[in-house]
Amino acid sequence: MLRIVTDSTSDLTSSMIAEFGIDTVPLNVIFDGKAYADGIEISKEEFYIKMAESKVLPTTSQPSPALMRDRFQKILDAGDDVYYVGLASTLSGTVQSARIGRDMVTDPNRVTIYDSLNASFGQGLLALEAAKMARDGRTAEEITLRLQDLRRRFKLVFSVATLENLRKSGRINNLAFLFGSLLSIKPILMLDTAGVVQQYDKVRGKKNALATILRFVEEHQPEPELLFGIGHVAAPEQAVELQGVLHELGITNTVIIEISGVIGAHVGIGTTGLFYVARS
């Protein structure tokens, strides 16, 4: 049997993890030189409280190859094979740690590594689909073909409430931060099929940001059979509001996800985003 492994950045709910027996490997968040295992030694709520109080932006780090090896080997020793769905290699070295860890187990051929080229619930949706297929007895090769198709059609679009975290993490320069802040510019960002963050649009004000995100959804109609994720960074009210608007548009197969601190550290509190698979 195949056992699905993913990262804490997948933002799967505890019920999803329990239902499909998915194993999650934590990344690390670091405050003032002290590392915390994401979701284990620090919760999302605790992370965002600390981030709001901190004068210095927290940093993040990938799991060690040794941790990956131990997780994989434990599953192999139990008689199962491993199918790992990892955080985009364009955003983190986590997949590389997994590859090194795979090469350290007793039987590397029983471990499949899949680079999601995605993050947060985008990665999570792929892990969920892999888990459903594994439960149905599908092979690793069949799962990979399915994930490749979903990844080709996957959409991630999000709006940030502040440019501060993007500036501190080096995603924009100080001049862009200054003009963006003065003009109340809200960039609308998307993740392309290569796993690279791109600008979809830039608008002024929360109302225009919401309208722009909805325009994106209209341009890329969702696949109704698959979950539609609404992610937020410590902004549940905004997520509920967005969910209500989507329901009015007939998009009802939705789930609200709080984005992990590893991702939230870079995009900032107040970020909201959509994670879904388009029809084509």
Protein backbone atom coordinates (compact mmCIF):
# COMPACT_ATOMS: atom_id res chain seq x y z
CA MET A 1 0.00 0.00 0.00
CA LEU A 2 1.09 3.58 -0.66
CA ARG A 3 1.29 6.01 2.25
CA ILE A 4 1.05 9.71 1.40
CA VAL A 5 3.49 12.12 3.02
CA THR A 6 3.42 15.91 2.70
CA ASP A 7 4.62 19.01 4.55
CA SER A 8 3.07 21.20 7.24
CA THR A 9 2.81 23.89 4.54
CA SER A 10 0.05 21.88 2.82
CA ASP A 11 -2.44 23.35 5.35
CA LEU A 12 -4.61 20.25 5.42
CA THR A 13 -7.14 20.18 8.24
CA SER A 14 -6.75 17.66 11.05
CA SER A 15 -9.85 15.83 9.83
CA MET A 16 -8.42 15.46 6.31
CA ILE A 17 -5.15 14.14 7.69
CA ALA A 18 -6.94 11.66 9.94
CA GLU A 19 -9.39 10.45 7.29
CA PHE A 20 -6.69 9.53 4.79
CA GLY A 21 -3.82 8.73 7.16
CA ILE A 22 -1.58 11.39 5.64
CA ASP A 23 1.81 11.92 7.29
CA THR A 24 3.00 15.54 7.56
CA VAL A 25 6.60 16.66 8.00
CA PRO A 26 7.04 20.05 9.72
CA LEU A 27 9.08 22.89 8.35
CA ASN A 28 10.60 25.31 10.85
CA VAL A 29 9.79 28.91 11.75
CA ILE A 30 12.47 30.91 13.51
CA PHE A 31 12.08 33.84 15.93
CA ASP A 32 15.20 35.50 17.30
CA GLY A 33 17.32 32.45 16.53
CA LYS A 34 14.92 29.96 18.14
CA ALA A 35 13.42 27.37 15.78
CA TYR A 36 9.93 25.93 16.20
CA ALA A 37 8.53 22.93 14.34
CA ASP A 38 5.61 24.33 12.33
CA GLY A 39 2.27 23.09 13.68
CA ILE A 40 3.92 21.02 16.42
CA GLU A 41 5.91 23.35 18.68
CA ILE A 42 3.96 26.43 17.63
CA SER A 43 0.38 26.70 16.37
CA LYS A 44 -0.76 29.02 13.60
CA GLU A 45 -2.49 31.26 16.13
CA GLU A 46 0.62 31.44 18.33
CA PHE A 47 2.81 32.13 15.32
CA TYR A 48 0.77 35.10 14.12
CA ILE A 49 0.58 36.59 17.60
CA LYS A 50 4.38 36.40 17.87
CA MET A 51 4.84 37.79 14.36
CA ALA A 52 2.57 40.77 15.11
CA GLU A 53 4.57 41.51 18.26
CA SER A 54 8.01 40.98 16.72
CA LYS A 55 10.04 43.86 15.30
CA VAL A 56 11.98 41.46 13.09
CA LEU A 57 10.37 39.28 10.43
CA PRO A 58 10.60 35.59 11.38
CA THR A 59 12.52 33.32 9.03
CA THR A 60 11.79 29.78 7.92
CA SER A 61 13.79 26.66 7.14
CA GLN A 62 13.23 23.29 5.50
CA PRO A 63 13.26 19.91 7.27
CA SER A 64 16.61 18.18 7.41
CA PRO A 65 17.35 15.20 5.13
CA ALA A 66 17.73 13.11 8.30
CA LEU A 67 14.17 13.92 9.39
CA MET A 68 12.90 13.02 5.94
CA ARG A 69 14.84 9.76 6.00
CA ASP A 70 13.41 8.84 9.39
CA ARG A 71 9.83 9.53 8.31
CA PHE A 72 10.23 7.55 5.09
CA GLN A 73 12.04 4.66 6.75
CA LYS A 74 9.39 4.28 9.44
CA ILE A 75 6.72 3.85 6.75
CA LEU A 76 8.85 1.39 4.78
CA ASP A 77 9.51 -0.63 7.93
CA ALA A 78 5.75 -0.87 8.47
CA GLY A 79 5.43 -2.49 5.04
CA ASP A 80 4.07 0.46 3.06
CA ASP A 81 5.61 2.43 0.20
CA VAL A 82 5.92 6.23 0.27
CA TYR A 83 4.45 8.86 -2.03
CA TYR A 84 5.66 12.30 -0.98
CA VAL A 85 4.00 15.53 -2.21
CA GLY A 86 6.31 18.43 -1.44
CA LEU A 87 6.29 22.21 -1.23
CA ALA A 88 7.33 23.84 -4.52
CA SER A 89 11.05 23.54 -5.18
CA THR A 90 10.86 27.09 -6.56
CA LEU A 91 9.94 28.35 -3.09
CA SER A 92 11.88 26.05 -0.74
CA GLY A 93 14.61 23.44 -0.56
CA THR A 94 12.22 20.98 1.12
CA VAL A 95 11.88 18.73 -1.94
CA GLN A 96 15.67 18.54 -2.20
CA SER A 97 15.84 17.47 1.47
CA ALA A 98 13.26 14.78 0.66
CA ARG A 99 15.33 13.53 -2.27
CA ILE A 100 18.44 13.29 -0.13
CA GLY A 101 16.43 11.58 2.62
CA ARG A 102 15.04 9.08 0.11
CA ASP A 103 18.55 8.15 -0.98
CA MET A 104 19.39 7.35 2.65
CA VAL A 105 16.63 4.76 3.25
CA THR A 106 17.08 1.00 2.86
CA ASP A 107 15.03 0.80 -0.36
CA PRO A 108 14.88 4.16 -2.22
CA ASN A 109 12.89 2.62 -5.09
CA ARG A 110 9.88 2.39 -2.79
CA VAL A 111 9.81 6.18 -2.25
CA THR A 112 8.30 8.51 -4.89
CA ILE A 113 9.00 12.24 -4.67
CA TYR A 114 6.53 14.61 -6.34
CA ASP A 115 7.30 18.33 -6.55
CA SER A 116 3.90 20.03 -6.28
CA LEU A 117 5.23 23.33 -7.68
CA ASN A 118 2.65 24.72 -5.29
CA ALA A 119 2.15 25.90 -1.73
CA SER A 120 -0.38 25.91 1.09
CA PHE A 121 -3.70 24.30 0.16
CA GLY A 122 -2.57 24.05 -3.46
CA GLN A 123 -0.05 21.50 -2.28
CA GLY A 124 -2.67 20.11 0.07
CA LEU A 125 -5.22 19.50 -2.67
CA LEU A 126 -2.67 17.46 -4.61
CA ALA A 127 -1.80 15.46 -1.49
CA LEU A 128 -5.51 14.82 -0.87
CA GLU A 129 -6.04 13.55 -4.40
CA ALA A 130 -2.99 11.31 -4.06
CA ALA A 131 -4.37 9.92 -0.78
CA LYS A 132 -7.78 9.19 -2.33
CA MET A 133 -6.14 7.35 -5.21
CA ALA A 134 -3.81 5.42 -2.91
CA ARG A 135 -6.82 4.30 -0.87
CA ASP A 136 -8.35 3.00 -4.10
CA GLY A 137 -5.25 0.95 -4.82
CA ARG A 138 -3.78 3.10 -7.58
CA THR A 139 -0.06 2.88 -8.33
CA ALA A 140 2.50 5.65 -7.88
CA GLU A 141 2.70 6.04 -11.66
CA GLU A 142 -1.08 6.48 -11.93
CA ILE A 143 -1.07 9.04 -9.13
CA THR A 144 1.73 11.02 -10.77
CA LEU A 145 -0.16 11.23 -14.07
CA ARG A 146 -3.25 12.48 -12.26
CA LEU A 147 -1.32 15.07 -10.25
CA GLN A 148 0.39 16.34 -13.38
CA ASP A 149 -3.00 16.94 -14.98
CA LEU A 150 -4.33 18.73 -11.90
CA ARG A 151 -1.17 20.81 -11.56
CA ARG A 152 -1.47 21.96 -15.17
CA ARG A 153 -4.95 23.32 -14.39
CA PHE A 154 -4.28 24.55 -10.87
CA LYS A 155 -4.93 28.17 -9.91
CA LEU A 156 -3.65 30.12 -6.93
CA VAL A 157 -4.51 33.81 -6.71
CA PHE A 158 -4.11 36.01 -3.64
CA SER A 159 -4.15 39.55 -2.32
CA VAL A 160 -1.85 40.88 0.37
CA ALA A 161 -3.01 43.45 2.93
CA THR A 162 0.45 44.93 3.48
CA LEU A 163 3.66 45.14 1.47
CA GLU A 164 5.78 45.09 4.64
CA ASN A 165 6.48 41.35 4.73
CA LEU A 166 7.22 41.22 1.00
CA ARG A 167 9.72 44.05 1.48
CA LYS A 168 11.41 42.49 4.51
CA SER A 169 11.69 39.11 2.80
CA GLY A 170 13.23 40.74 -0.28
CA ARG A 171 10.29 40.11 -2.64
CA ILE A 172 10.02 43.83 -3.47
CA ASN A 173 12.52 46.67 -3.08
CA ASN A 174 12.23 49.66 -0.74
CA LEU A 175 11.20 52.07 -3.51
CA ALA A 176 8.34 49.83 -4.64
CA PHE A 177 7.30 49.45 -1.00
CA LEU A 178 7.28 53.23 -0.47
CA PHE A 179 5.17 54.06 -3.52
CA GLY A 180 2.89 51.06 -3.01
CA SER A 181 2.21 52.03 0.60
CA LEU A 182 1.64 55.71 -0.18
CA LEU A 183 -0.85 54.88 -2.94
CA SER A 184 -2.53 52.05 -0.99
CA ILE A 185 -1.63 49.67 -3.79
CA LYS A 186 -2.69 46.05 -3.32
CA PRO A 187 -0.88 43.64 -5.63
CA ILE A 188 -2.93 40.68 -6.81
CA LEU A 189 -0.51 37.80 -7.20
CA MET A 190 -0.76 34.35 -8.75
CA LEU A 191 1.34 31.22 -8.94
CA ASP A 192 2.10 30.11 -12.50
CA THR A 193 2.41 26.51 -13.70
CA ALA A 194 6.18 26.61 -13.11
CA GLY A 195 5.64 27.43 -9.44
CA VAL A 196 6.75 31.06 -9.77
CA VAL A 197 4.84 33.96 -8.17
CA GLN A 198 3.68 36.45 -10.79
CA GLN A 199 1.68 39.67 -10.63
CA TYR A 200 -1.84 39.30 -12.00
CA ASP A 201 -2.88 42.90 -11.36
CA LYS A 202 -2.50 45.75 -8.89
CA VAL A 203 -5.37 47.79 -7.51
CA ARG A 204 -6.18 50.37 -4.87
CA GLY A 205 -8.38 49.41 -1.94
CA LYS A 206 -9.92 46.26 -0.50
CA LYS A 207 -13.09 46.47 -2.61
CA ASN A 208 -11.15 46.56 -5.87
CA ALA A 209 -8.93 43.72 -4.69
CA LEU A 210 -11.98 41.52 -4.11
CA ALA A 211 -13.43 42.42 -7.51
CA THR A 212 -10.14 41.58 -9.20
CA ILE A 213 -9.88 38.18 -7.52
CA LEU A 214 -13.45 37.40 -8.60
CA ARG A 215 -12.55 38.45 -12.15
CA PHE A 216 -9.72 35.94 -12.06
CA VAL A 217 -12.17 33.19 -11.08
CA GLU A 218 -14.51 34.18 -13.90
CA GLU A 219 -11.63 33.93 -16.36
CA HIS A 220 -10.60 30.52 -14.98
CA GLN A 221 -13.79 28.63 -14.13
CA PRO A 222 -13.33 26.04 -11.34
CA GLU A 223 -13.77 22.29 -11.67
CA PRO A 224 -16.93 21.75 -9.56
CA GLU A 225 -16.04 18.20 -8.49
CA LEU A 226 -12.93 19.27 -6.59
CA LEU A 227 -12.59 21.28 -3.38
CA PHE A 228 -12.19 25.03 -3.69
CA GLY A 229 -9.87 26.38 -0.99
CA ILE A 230 -10.19 29.85 0.56
CA GLY A 231 -7.00 30.62 2.43
CA HIS A 232 -6.29 33.42 4.87
CA VAL A 233 -3.49 34.67 7.11
CA ALA A 234 -5.09 35.50 10.48
CA ALA A 235 -8.05 37.06 8.64
CA PRO A 236 -11.02 34.69 9.13
CA GLU A 237 -13.64 37.42 8.64
CA GLN A 238 -12.28 38.23 5.18
CA ALA A 239 -12.29 34.53 4.28
CA VAL A 240 -15.91 34.14 5.36
CA GLU A 241 -16.88 37.22 3.36
CA LEU A 242 -15.14 35.83 0.29
CA GLN A 243 -16.80 32.45 0.79
CA GLY A 244 -20.21 34.13 0.88
CA VAL A 245 -19.56 35.92 -2.41
CA LEU A 246 -18.38 32.69 -4.04
CA HIS A 247 -21.50 30.86 -2.85
CA GLU A 248 -23.63 33.56 -4.45
CA LEU A 249 -21.79 32.80 -7.70
CA GLY A 250 -22.68 29.11 -7.37
CA ILE A 251 -19.25 27.97 -6.12
CA THR A 252 -20.28 26.06 -2.99
CA ASN A 253 -17.77 23.20 -2.68
CA THR A 254 -15.51 25.38 -0.55
CA VAL A 255 -13.35 25.01 2.53
CA ILE A 256 -11.71 27.79 4.57
CA ILE A 257 -8.04 27.22 5.37
CA GLU A 258 -5.76 29.19 7.69
CA ILE A 259 -2.40 29.48 5.96
CA SER A 260 0.64 28.19 7.86
CA GLY A 261 3.21 30.51 9.39
CA VAL A 262 5.89 29.31 6.97
CA ILE A 263 3.96 30.85 4.08
CA GLY A 264 2.35 33.64 6.11
CA ALA A 265 5.73 34.98 7.19
CA HIS A 266 6.40 36.03 3.60
CA VAL A 267 2.98 37.37 2.57
CA GLY A 268 1.83 38.93 5.86
CA ILE A 269 -1.25 39.11 8.06
CA GLY A 270 -4.45 39.92 6.20
CA THR A 271 -3.55 37.98 3.06
CA THR A 272 -6.43 36.08 1.43
CA GLY A 273 -6.21 33.67 -1.49
CA LEU A 274 -8.00 31.09 -3.55
CA PHE A 275 -6.75 27.57 -4.34
CA TYR A 276 -8.56 25.54 -6.94
CA VAL A 277 -8.40 23.45 -10.12
CA ALA A 278 -9.82 25.04 -13.27
CA ARG A 279 -11.87 23.12 -15.82
CA SER A 280 -9.20 23.59 -18.46
